[in-house]
Amino acid sequence: VIPFEPYLIRKEKRNAKIAGIELIEIPMLPWVSSNEEAIKQIELIASESDNKKYYIHCYFG
């Protein structure tokens, strides 16, 4: 979950806690960079996941 506004981040954290899921924030800004570091983080998390499920979304669609 990657909201930029502090209010939305707090809201996402609260909603994740209510839903019983872990919130992992990995901002991706394609208009600023190639996002290589963010992609590496996502790949690392996925490779260490032991078949966990992830819900991924972006406020920009």
N, C-alpha and C. Protein backbone atom coordinates (compact mmCIF):
# COMPACT_ATOMS: atom_id res chain seq x y z
N VAL A 1 0.86 -1.15 0.00
CA VAL A 1 0.00 0.00 0.00
C VAL A 1 0.91 1.21 0.00
N ILE A 2 0.68 2.13 -0.98
CA ILE A 2 1.63 3.21 -1.14
C ILE A 2 0.94 4.57 -1.29
N PRO A 3 0.23 5.06 -0.29
CA PRO A 3 -0.32 6.40 -0.41
C PRO A 3 0.74 7.44 -0.07
N PHE A 4 0.68 8.59 -0.70
CA PHE A 4 1.67 9.63 -0.45
C PHE A 4 1.24 10.58 0.66
N GLU A 5 -0.02 10.80 0.82
CA GLU A 5 -0.49 11.73 1.81
C GLU A 5 -0.47 11.07 3.19
N PRO A 6 0.03 11.78 4.21
CA PRO A 6 0.09 11.22 5.56
C PRO A 6 -1.26 10.72 6.07
N TYR A 7 -2.33 11.43 5.77
CA TYR A 7 -3.66 10.98 6.21
C TYR A 7 -3.99 9.61 5.63
N LEU A 8 -3.72 9.41 4.36
CA LEU A 8 -4.02 8.13 3.73
C LEU A 8 -3.15 7.01 4.28
N ILE A 9 -1.91 7.32 4.62
CA ILE A 9 -1.04 6.30 5.22
C ILE A 9 -1.61 5.86 6.56
N ARG A 10 -2.01 6.83 7.39
CA ARG A 10 -2.60 6.47 8.69
C ARG A 10 -3.86 5.64 8.49
N LYS A 11 -4.68 6.02 7.53
CA LYS A 11 -5.91 5.29 7.25
C LYS A 11 -5.61 3.86 6.80
N GLU A 12 -4.64 3.69 5.92
CA GLU A 12 -4.26 2.35 5.45
C GLU A 12 -3.73 1.49 6.59
N LYS A 13 -2.91 2.08 7.46
CA LYS A 13 -2.38 1.33 8.61
C LYS A 13 -3.51 0.87 9.52
N ARG A 14 -4.44 1.76 9.78
CA ARG A 14 -5.59 1.42 10.63
C ARG A 14 -6.43 0.32 9.98
N ASN A 15 -6.71 0.45 8.70
CA ASN A 15 -7.51 -0.57 8.01
C ASN A 15 -6.80 -1.91 7.94
N ALA A 16 -5.50 -1.90 7.73
CA ALA A 16 -4.73 -3.15 7.70
C ALA A 16 -4.79 -3.84 9.05
N LYS A 17 -4.65 -3.07 10.12
CA LYS A 17 -4.70 -3.64 11.47
C LYS A 17 -6.07 -4.27 11.73
N ILE A 18 -7.13 -3.56 11.35
CA ILE A 18 -8.49 -4.09 11.52
C ILE A 18 -8.66 -5.38 10.73
N ALA A 19 -8.10 -5.45 9.54
CA ALA A 19 -8.22 -6.63 8.68
C ALA A 19 -7.27 -7.75 9.08
N GLY A 20 -6.33 -7.45 9.99
CA GLY A 20 -5.38 -8.47 10.43
C GLY A 20 -4.29 -8.76 9.41
N ILE A 21 -3.94 -7.75 8.61
CA ILE A 21 -2.88 -7.95 7.63
C ILE A 21 -1.73 -6.97 7.88
N GLU A 22 -0.56 -7.34 7.42
CA GLU A 22 0.62 -6.50 7.55
C GLU A 22 0.66 -5.49 6.40
N LEU A 23 0.90 -4.25 6.74
CA LEU A 23 1.04 -3.21 5.72
C LEU A 23 2.51 -3.03 5.39
N ILE A 24 2.86 -3.18 4.13
CA ILE A 24 4.23 -2.97 3.67
C ILE A 24 4.19 -1.82 2.67
N GLU A 25 4.88 -0.75 2.98
CA GLU A 25 4.88 0.42 2.10
C GLU A 25 6.14 0.40 1.23
N ILE A 26 5.97 0.37 -0.06
CA ILE A 26 7.09 0.44 -1.00
C ILE A 26 6.70 1.44 -2.09
N PRO A 27 7.03 2.71 -1.86
CA PRO A 27 6.65 3.73 -2.85
C PRO A 27 7.30 3.50 -4.21
N MET A 28 6.51 3.71 -5.24
CA MET A 28 7.01 3.62 -6.61
C MET A 28 6.62 4.90 -7.33
N LEU A 29 7.58 5.59 -7.86
CA LEU A 29 7.36 6.87 -8.51
C LEU A 29 7.92 6.83 -9.92
N PRO A 30 7.19 6.28 -10.88
CA PRO A 30 7.73 6.10 -12.23
C PRO A 30 8.09 7.40 -12.94
N TRP A 31 7.51 8.52 -12.54
CA TRP A 31 7.84 9.79 -13.19
C TRP A 31 9.09 10.42 -12.61
N VAL A 32 9.66 9.80 -11.54
CA VAL A 32 10.86 10.32 -10.88
C VAL A 32 12.07 9.42 -11.10
N SER A 33 11.84 8.09 -11.09
CA SER A 33 12.96 7.16 -11.21
C SER A 33 12.50 5.88 -11.90
N SER A 34 13.44 4.96 -12.05
CA SER A 34 13.13 3.67 -12.68
C SER A 34 12.55 2.68 -11.67
N ASN A 35 12.52 3.04 -10.40
CA ASN A 35 11.97 2.20 -9.33
C ASN A 35 12.76 0.91 -9.10
N GLU A 36 14.01 0.87 -9.51
CA GLU A 36 14.81 -0.35 -9.36
C GLU A 36 14.89 -0.81 -7.91
N GLU A 37 15.10 0.10 -6.98
CA GLU A 37 15.21 -0.28 -5.57
C GLU A 37 13.89 -0.82 -5.04
N ALA A 38 12.79 -0.19 -5.41
CA ALA A 38 11.48 -0.66 -4.98
C ALA A 38 11.20 -2.06 -5.53
N ILE A 39 11.54 -2.27 -6.78
CA ILE A 39 11.33 -3.59 -7.40
C ILE A 39 12.19 -4.64 -6.72
N LYS A 40 13.43 -4.30 -6.37
CA LYS A 40 14.29 -5.24 -5.64
C LYS A 40 13.69 -5.60 -4.29
N GLN A 41 13.13 -4.62 -3.59
CA GLN A 41 12.48 -4.88 -2.30
C GLN A 41 11.31 -5.84 -2.47
N ILE A 42 10.49 -5.60 -3.47
CA ILE A 42 9.33 -6.46 -3.72
C ILE A 42 9.78 -7.88 -4.06
N GLU A 43 10.78 -8.01 -4.91
CA GLU A 43 11.30 -9.33 -5.27
C GLU A 43 11.85 -10.06 -4.05
N LEU A 44 12.55 -9.34 -3.18
CA LEU A 44 13.10 -9.95 -1.97
C LEU A 44 11.98 -10.45 -1.05
N ILE A 45 10.98 -9.63 -0.83
CA ILE A 45 9.85 -10.03 0.01
C ILE A 45 9.17 -11.25 -0.58
N ALA A 46 8.93 -11.25 -1.87
CA ALA A 46 8.25 -12.38 -2.52
C ALA A 46 9.09 -13.65 -2.45
N SER A 47 10.40 -13.52 -2.57
CA SER A 47 11.26 -14.71 -2.55
C SER A 47 11.37 -15.32 -1.16
N GLU A 48 11.12 -14.54 -0.14
CA GLU A 48 11.22 -15.03 1.24
C GLU A 48 9.85 -15.31 1.85
N SER A 49 8.82 -15.36 1.05
CA SER A 49 7.46 -15.34 1.57
C SER A 49 6.90 -16.69 2.02
N ASP A 50 7.46 -17.79 1.59
CA ASP A 50 6.88 -19.11 1.92
C ASP A 50 5.40 -19.18 1.54
N ASN A 51 5.10 -18.80 0.33
CA ASN A 51 3.74 -18.90 -0.23
C ASN A 51 2.71 -18.01 0.46
N LYS A 52 3.13 -16.90 1.03
CA LYS A 52 2.18 -15.95 1.59
C LYS A 52 1.41 -15.28 0.46
N LYS A 53 0.27 -14.75 0.79
CA LYS A 53 -0.54 -14.01 -0.18
C LYS A 53 -0.37 -12.52 0.07
N TYR A 54 -0.41 -11.75 -1.02
CA TYR A 54 -0.25 -10.31 -0.93
C TYR A 54 -1.37 -9.61 -1.68
N TYR A 55 -1.82 -8.52 -1.11
CA TYR A 55 -2.77 -7.63 -1.77
C TYR A 55 -1.99 -6.36 -2.09
N ILE A 56 -1.92 -6.02 -3.36
CA ILE A 56 -1.13 -4.86 -3.79
C ILE A 56 -2.06 -3.87 -4.48
N HIS A 57 -1.92 -2.61 -4.12
CA HIS A 57 -2.71 -1.60 -4.81
C HIS A 57 -1.96 -0.28 -4.86
N CYS A 58 -2.42 0.57 -5.74
CA CYS A 58 -1.83 1.89 -5.93
C CYS A 58 -2.96 2.90 -6.05
N TYR A 59 -2.81 4.02 -5.38
CA TYR A 59 -3.84 5.06 -5.46
C TYR A 59 -3.94 5.68 -6.85
N PHE A 60 -2.89 5.54 -7.64
CA PHE A 60 -2.91 6.13 -8.97
C PHE A 60 -3.41 5.17 -10.04
N GLY A 61 -3.79 3.97 -9.62
CA GLY A 61 -4.35 3.00 -10.57
C GLY A 61 -3.32 2.16 -11.13
